[in-house]
Protein backbone atom coordinates (compact mmCIF):
# COMPACT_ATOMS: atom_id res chain seq x y z
CA MET A 1 -32.10 -48.56 46.05
CA ALA A 2 -32.56 -44.89 45.20
CA ARG A 3 -29.80 -42.86 43.59
CA VAL A 4 -29.27 -39.30 44.82
CA ILE A 5 -26.82 -36.77 43.40
CA ALA A 6 -25.69 -33.83 45.55
CA VAL A 7 -24.06 -30.99 43.61
CA PHE A 8 -22.04 -28.43 45.55
CA ALA A 9 -19.28 -25.89 45.01
CA HIS A 10 -16.73 -26.51 47.78
CA PRO A 11 -15.47 -29.14 50.20
CA ASP A 12 -17.48 -28.74 53.47
CA ASP A 13 -20.71 -27.64 51.72
CA GLU A 14 -21.94 -31.22 51.94
CA THR A 15 -21.35 -31.49 55.68
CA PHE A 16 -22.13 -28.05 57.05
CA ILE A 17 -25.52 -27.79 55.34
CA CYS A 18 -26.90 -31.29 54.89
CA GLY A 19 -24.42 -33.83 56.22
CA GLY A 20 -27.00 -35.43 58.47
CA SER A 21 -29.42 -35.90 55.59
CA LEU A 22 -26.79 -37.44 53.33
CA ALA A 23 -25.79 -39.80 56.13
CA THR A 24 -29.45 -40.69 56.65
CA LEU A 25 -29.76 -41.61 52.99
CA THR A 26 -26.68 -43.81 52.99
CA ALA A 27 -27.76 -45.45 56.26
CA GLN A 28 -30.96 -46.44 54.47
CA GLY A 29 -28.93 -48.08 51.72
CA GLU A 30 -29.40 -45.34 49.13
CA HIS A 31 -26.56 -44.53 46.72
CA VAL A 32 -25.30 -40.96 47.03
CA THR A 33 -23.03 -39.34 44.46
CA LEU A 34 -21.33 -36.14 45.59
CA ILE A 35 -20.20 -33.72 42.90
CA CYS A 36 -17.87 -30.94 44.06
CA ALA A 37 -17.09 -28.23 41.51
CA THR A 38 -13.88 -26.94 43.15
CA LYS A 39 -11.39 -27.87 45.84
CA GLY A 40 -11.99 -24.67 47.80
CA GLU A 41 -8.33 -23.80 47.34
CA MET A 42 -8.85 -20.02 47.47
CA GLY A 43 -10.37 -20.08 50.94
CA ARG A 44 -8.79 -17.92 53.63
CA ARG A 45 -9.09 -20.45 56.44
CA VAL A 46 -6.20 -22.81 57.16
CA GLY A 47 -7.25 -24.08 60.57
CA VAL A 48 -6.60 -23.09 64.19
CA PRO A 49 -3.81 -23.87 64.78
CA PRO A 50 -2.82 -23.72 61.09
CA VAL A 51 -2.76 -27.08 59.35
CA ALA A 52 -2.08 -25.84 55.81
CA THR A 53 -0.24 -23.29 53.71
CA ARG A 54 -1.47 -21.73 50.50
CA GLU A 55 0.58 -24.31 48.61
CA THR A 56 -0.75 -27.33 50.49
CA LEU A 57 -4.35 -26.16 50.84
CA PRO A 58 -5.78 -27.64 47.59
CA GLN A 59 -4.63 -31.19 48.32
CA LEU A 60 -5.50 -30.93 52.00
CA ARG A 61 -9.04 -29.77 51.27
CA GLU A 62 -9.49 -32.65 48.85
CA ASP A 63 -8.24 -35.06 51.51
CA GLU A 64 -10.60 -33.52 54.06
CA LEU A 65 -13.56 -34.02 51.76
CA ARG A 66 -12.64 -37.65 51.18
CA LYS A 67 -12.52 -38.19 54.95
CA ALA A 68 -15.88 -36.46 55.38
CA CYS A 69 -17.37 -38.66 52.67
CA LYS A 70 -16.09 -41.74 54.49
CA ALA A 71 -17.82 -40.53 57.66
CA LEU A 72 -21.06 -39.99 55.74
CA ARG A 73 -20.66 -43.34 53.91
CA ILE A 74 -20.50 -41.65 50.50
CA SER A 75 -18.40 -43.82 48.20
CA ASP A 76 -18.90 -41.88 44.95
CA LEU A 77 -17.10 -38.51 45.05
CA ARG A 78 -16.41 -36.56 41.87
CA PHE A 79 -14.48 -33.30 41.45
CA LEU A 80 -15.22 -31.14 38.41
CA GLY A 81 -11.83 -29.42 38.57
CA TYR A 82 -12.95 -25.80 38.43
CA ARG A 83 -10.93 -23.09 40.15
CA ASP A 84 -12.37 -21.92 43.45
CA LYS A 85 -14.20 -18.56 43.33
CA SER A 86 -14.34 -18.65 39.53
CA LEU A 87 -17.59 -20.48 38.76
CA GLU A 88 -19.58 -17.35 37.94
CA ILE A 89 -17.16 -16.46 35.11
CA GLN A 90 -17.10 -19.95 33.60
CA PRO A 91 -19.15 -20.79 30.48
CA ILE A 92 -22.45 -21.80 32.08
CA GLU A 93 -23.49 -24.04 29.20
CA GLN A 94 -20.34 -26.11 29.66
CA LEU A 95 -21.13 -26.62 33.33
CA ILE A 96 -24.77 -27.46 32.60
CA GLY A 97 -23.68 -29.95 29.95
CA ILE A 98 -21.32 -31.77 32.32
CA LEU A 99 -24.04 -32.12 34.94
CA GLU A 100 -26.76 -33.11 32.48
CA LYS A 101 -24.51 -35.87 31.12
CA THR A 102 -23.93 -37.14 34.65
CA PHE A 103 -27.65 -37.09 35.45
CA ARG A 104 -28.45 -39.08 32.32
CA GLU A 105 -25.76 -41.63 33.11
CA GLU A 106 -26.65 -42.05 36.78
CA GLN A 107 -30.46 -41.69 36.54
CA PRO A 108 -30.94 -40.12 40.00
CA GLN A 109 -34.27 -40.16 41.80
CA ALA A 110 -33.29 -36.86 43.41
CA VAL A 111 -30.81 -34.03 42.90
CA ILE A 112 -29.74 -31.80 45.81
CA THR A 113 -28.04 -28.46 45.21
CA PHE A 114 -28.07 -24.75 46.06
CA HIS A 115 -30.87 -22.34 45.16
CA GLU A 116 -29.64 -20.08 42.35
CA ARG A 117 -30.71 -16.92 44.24
CA LEU A 118 -30.59 -17.96 47.89
CA GLY A 119 -27.30 -19.83 47.89
CA GLY A 120 -25.27 -16.90 49.20
CA HIS A 121 -21.71 -17.34 47.83
CA PRO A 122 -21.41 -16.65 44.07
CA ASP A 123 -19.99 -20.16 43.53
CA HIS A 124 -23.01 -21.60 45.36
CA ARG A 125 -25.48 -19.66 43.23
CA THR A 126 -23.72 -20.58 40.00
CA ILE A 127 -23.51 -24.31 40.69
CA GLY A 128 -27.14 -24.18 41.81
CA LEU A 129 -28.19 -22.51 38.56
CA ALA A 130 -26.25 -25.04 36.50
CA ALA A 131 -27.58 -28.04 38.41
CA THR A 132 -31.16 -26.74 38.22
CA SER A 133 -30.90 -26.18 34.47
CA ALA A 134 -29.31 -29.61 33.97
CA PHE A 135 -32.04 -31.23 36.07
CA GLU A 136 -34.80 -29.58 34.05
CA ARG A 137 -33.26 -30.80 30.79
CA TYR A 138 -32.81 -34.28 32.24
CA ARG A 139 -36.39 -34.33 33.51
CA THR A 140 -38.17 -33.00 30.41
CA SER A 141 -36.27 -34.70 27.60
CA GLY A 142 -37.01 -38.30 28.50
CA GLY A 143 -33.77 -38.83 30.38
CA ALA A 144 -35.38 -39.68 33.69
CA ASN A 145 -36.53 -43.28 33.46
CA HIS A 146 -36.98 -44.02 37.15
CA ARG A 147 -39.54 -43.01 39.72
CA GLY A 148 -38.67 -40.35 42.23
CA LEU A 149 -38.39 -40.50 46.00
CA ASP A 150 -41.40 -41.61 48.06
CA GLY A 151 -43.06 -43.11 45.01
CA ASP A 152 -43.20 -39.89 42.98
CA LYS A 153 -43.59 -40.49 39.27
CA ASP A 154 -40.67 -38.21 38.50
CA ALA A 155 -37.27 -37.28 39.91
CA SER A 156 -37.11 -34.64 42.65
CA LEU A 157 -35.05 -31.46 42.89
CA LEU A 158 -34.23 -30.14 46.36
CA PHE A 159 -32.43 -26.94 47.35
CA VAL A 160 -30.50 -26.93 50.61
CA ALA A 161 -31.87 -24.44 53.13
CA TRP A 162 -30.64 -22.97 56.37
CA PRO A 163 -32.85 -23.31 59.47
CA GLY A 164 -33.53 -19.57 59.43
CA MET A 165 -35.18 -19.90 56.04
CA ALA A 166 -37.62 -22.51 57.29
CA ALA A 167 -38.34 -20.40 60.38
CA ASN A 168 -39.07 -17.27 58.30
CA PRO A 169 -40.29 -18.52 54.90
CA LYS A 170 -42.13 -15.30 53.95
CA GLN A 171 -38.84 -13.41 54.06
CA TYR A 172 -37.72 -15.55 51.11
CA GLY A 173 -40.98 -15.53 49.19
CA LEU A 174 -41.82 -19.05 50.37
CA THR A 175 -44.33 -20.80 52.61
CA SER A 176 -43.84 -23.48 55.24
CA ASN A 177 -45.22 -26.05 52.78
CA ASP A 178 -42.26 -25.38 50.49
CA PHE A 179 -39.85 -26.96 52.98
CA LEU A 180 -38.89 -30.54 53.66
CA GLU A 181 -37.69 -31.18 57.21
CA VAL A 182 -35.36 -34.11 57.87
CA ASP A 183 -34.79 -35.52 61.35
CA VAL A 184 -31.05 -36.30 61.52
CA ARG A 185 -30.70 -37.18 65.21
CA ASP A 186 -29.65 -40.75 64.48
CA GLU A 187 -26.80 -39.52 62.28
CA LEU A 188 -25.32 -36.84 64.54
CA PRO A 189 -22.21 -38.96 65.28
CA ALA A 190 -21.54 -39.31 61.54
CA LYS A 191 -22.20 -35.62 60.98
CA LEU A 192 -19.81 -34.66 63.78
CA GLN A 193 -17.10 -36.91 62.38
CA ALA A 194 -17.57 -35.32 58.95
CA PHE A 195 -17.41 -31.82 60.45
CA ARG A 196 -14.16 -32.66 62.18
CA ALA A 197 -12.67 -33.96 58.95
CA HIS A 198 -12.62 -30.35 57.71
CA LYS A 199 -9.83 -29.19 60.02
CA THR A 200 -9.00 -26.18 57.85
CA GLN A 201 -12.41 -24.77 58.82
CA SER A 202 -11.93 -25.27 62.56
CA ASP A 203 -12.19 -21.57 63.42
CA LEU A 204 -15.84 -21.47 62.32
CA ASN A 205 -17.34 -23.38 65.25
CA ASN A 206 -14.99 -23.83 68.18
CA TRP A 207 -17.54 -25.94 70.05
CA LEU A 208 -17.20 -28.71 67.44
CA TRP A 209 -13.84 -29.55 68.95
CA GLN A 210 -15.12 -29.98 72.51
CA SER A 211 -16.13 -33.38 73.84
CA ASP A 212 -18.35 -35.47 71.58
CA GLU A 213 -21.24 -35.12 74.03
CA LYS A 214 -21.03 -31.32 74.16
CA ALA A 215 -20.55 -30.98 70.42
CA MET A 216 -23.48 -33.23 69.49
CA ALA A 217 -25.70 -31.36 71.94
CA ARG A 218 -25.20 -28.24 69.81
CA LEU A 219 -25.53 -29.82 66.38
CA SER A 220 -28.83 -29.15 64.67
CA GLN A 221 -31.11 -32.17 64.94
CA ARG A 222 -33.02 -31.21 61.81
CA GLU A 223 -32.01 -30.14 58.32
CA TYR A 224 -34.15 -28.38 55.74
CA PHE A 225 -34.64 -28.37 52.01
CA ILE A 226 -36.75 -26.30 49.63
CA LYS A 227 -38.90 -28.60 47.51
CA ALA A 228 -38.25 -27.29 44.02
CA TYR A 229 -39.70 -30.18 42.03
CA GLY A 230 -41.31 -33.41 43.11
CA LEU A 231 -42.48 -34.31 46.61
CA GLY A 232 -45.52 -32.12 46.01
CA ALA A 233 -43.80 -28.98 44.72
CA PRO A 234 -43.64 -27.30 41.28
CA LEU A 235 -40.34 -26.36 39.70
CA ARG A 236 -39.46 -22.79 40.68
């Protein structure tokens, strides 16, 4: 059984970007740990119709993430307790240290996170930078004692990617060989259930709340990752 750690900034990151891939891993019997740096409590969205107030939003978003994890069969969810939209002003070494300690304890075959430049939101970029730095320390200091995915001799680091990145790799200074494509068709029902757990975000994609058949017809059947280390790629 492989151990995979996904490190993200907010509730819903795990589902909107790579929920199908995480569900594919758990369906194969792999152990997935999800680390979420914040509860997304400073977000502007409260659902349509509203399902939260500013006061109830933190707990509700935590509850939504727990429901999404259940849909994706992720049993190991950990919150780091940072304030939403504050990661870039936090002491980076503290964040790196927390993640490195977790990597050493859990001995993952793969770590999934945001690219430190291509992650978009400042919280995404910061957690990506911290996770990448923690992974490099874990990998190079003798902490990684297990083989990586697909028989690699070392653990793998993967950055989540949007489909547009894979379609236009040169725009991001990449090539098509830098991407890993995952077929998630078998896990679309789980992905849809996880999407719908995040009711506070319901104004983002109205079609998700149509019939199951119509919604799944519009869900992406493939998800993409940038191969940062392992699986045939050098650390960027």
